[in-house]
């Protein structure tokens, strides 16, 4: 399957420009980051997507609920079988 490409964002979620034009590149990691940071209704066409990571991390629990929320949101965006773990408050994706 071909890698998804899109307009890239910098670490502050601002558009990256080079020579007066948008920078295009592989975007899956960026898309996952946006899903984790967003809250429900942030995206007009997919209002059900949004992990609201800041609120989820502040909830008490062992992380199982957060892991399930992340899986459901990634699946809703078509990202199935993404493997990750939550280790010391950090979400780590791996193949």
Protein backbone atom coordinates (compact mmCIF):
# COMPACT_ATOMS: atom_id res chain seq x y z
CA UNK A 1 0.00 0.00 0.00
CA UNK A 2 1.31 3.44 -0.91
CA UNK A 3 2.31 5.80 1.87
CA UNK A 4 -0.14 8.64 2.51
CA UNK A 5 1.16 12.08 1.48
CA UNK A 6 -0.15 15.46 2.52
CA UNK A 7 0.92 19.00 3.33
CA UNK A 8 3.35 18.84 6.27
CA UNK A 9 3.22 20.72 9.56
CA UNK A 10 6.05 21.72 11.88
CA UNK A 11 6.28 20.91 15.62
CA UNK A 12 3.88 23.80 16.36
CA UNK A 13 1.31 22.51 13.83
CA UNK A 14 2.07 25.40 11.48
CA UNK A 15 2.33 24.85 7.72
CA UNK A 16 5.84 24.25 6.42
CA UNK A 17 6.81 26.34 3.40
CA UNK A 18 9.86 25.95 1.18
CA UNK A 19 10.58 28.30 -1.74
CA UNK A 20 7.15 29.88 -1.27
CA UNK A 21 5.22 26.61 -1.55
CA UNK A 22 3.80 23.97 0.78
CA UNK A 23 6.06 21.06 1.69
CA UNK A 24 4.50 17.70 0.80
CA UNK A 25 5.60 14.42 2.36
CA UNK A 26 4.60 11.24 4.17
CA UNK A 27 1.94 12.24 6.65
CA UNK A 28 0.78 9.22 8.64
CA UNK A 29 2.75 10.13 11.78
CA UNK A 30 1.48 13.70 11.54
CA UNK A 31 -2.12 12.49 11.09
CA UNK A 32 -1.85 10.30 14.19
CA UNK A 33 -0.45 13.22 16.21
CA UNK A 34 -3.37 15.41 15.10
CA UNK A 35 -5.90 12.73 16.07
CA UNK A 36 -4.32 12.39 19.52
CA UNK A 37 -4.36 16.16 20.11
CA UNK A 38 -7.83 16.85 18.73
CA UNK A 39 -11.17 16.71 20.53
CA UNK A 40 -14.44 15.47 19.16
CA UNK A 41 -16.04 17.88 16.66
CA UNK A 42 -12.69 19.42 15.65
CA UNK A 43 -13.11 17.87 12.19
CA UNK A 44 -16.32 18.77 10.37
CA UNK A 45 -16.40 15.67 8.14
CA UNK A 46 -15.50 13.26 10.95
CA UNK A 47 -16.84 14.80 14.19
CA UNK A 48 -16.51 11.51 16.10
CA UNK A 49 -12.70 11.56 15.82
CA UNK A 50 -10.72 13.13 18.65
CA UNK A 51 -8.83 11.55 21.56
CA UNK A 52 -8.48 14.73 23.67
CA UNK A 53 -5.18 13.40 24.95
CA UNK A 54 -4.61 16.09 27.57
CA UNK A 55 -7.89 15.29 29.34
CA UNK A 56 -7.42 11.54 28.91
CA UNK A 57 -3.95 11.59 30.48
CA UNK A 58 -5.24 13.55 33.47
CA UNK A 59 -7.91 10.92 34.20
CA UNK A 60 -7.01 8.33 36.77
CA UNK A 61 -6.65 4.75 35.68
CA UNK A 62 -4.17 2.24 34.37
CA UNK A 63 -4.19 3.39 30.75
CA UNK A 64 -6.43 0.66 29.35
CA UNK A 65 -9.26 3.12 28.68
CA UNK A 66 -6.88 5.53 26.93
CA UNK A 67 -5.45 2.72 24.82
CA UNK A 68 -8.97 1.70 23.75
CA UNK A 69 -9.91 5.30 22.89
CA UNK A 70 -6.78 5.66 20.77
CA UNK A 71 -7.46 2.37 18.94
CA UNK A 72 -11.06 3.36 18.19
CA UNK A 73 -10.05 6.79 16.87
CA UNK A 74 -7.27 5.42 14.68
CA UNK A 75 -9.60 2.74 13.31
CA UNK A 76 -12.25 5.41 12.56
CA UNK A 77 -9.62 7.21 10.47
CA UNK A 78 -8.72 4.03 8.59
CA UNK A 79 -5.51 3.32 10.49
CA UNK A 80 -6.02 -0.30 11.46
CA UNK A 81 -3.47 -2.54 13.14
CA UNK A 82 -1.37 0.35 14.44
CA UNK A 83 0.72 -1.08 17.27
CA UNK A 84 1.61 1.08 20.23
CA UNK A 85 2.20 1.00 23.94
CA UNK A 86 1.82 3.53 26.71
CA UNK A 87 5.00 3.64 28.75
CA UNK A 88 5.46 6.11 31.62
CA UNK A 89 2.87 8.47 30.13
CA UNK A 90 4.38 8.33 26.63
CA UNK A 91 2.64 6.78 23.63
CA UNK A 92 5.13 4.82 21.53
CA UNK A 93 4.15 3.47 18.09
CA UNK A 94 6.08 0.56 16.58
CA UNK A 95 5.85 -1.92 13.69
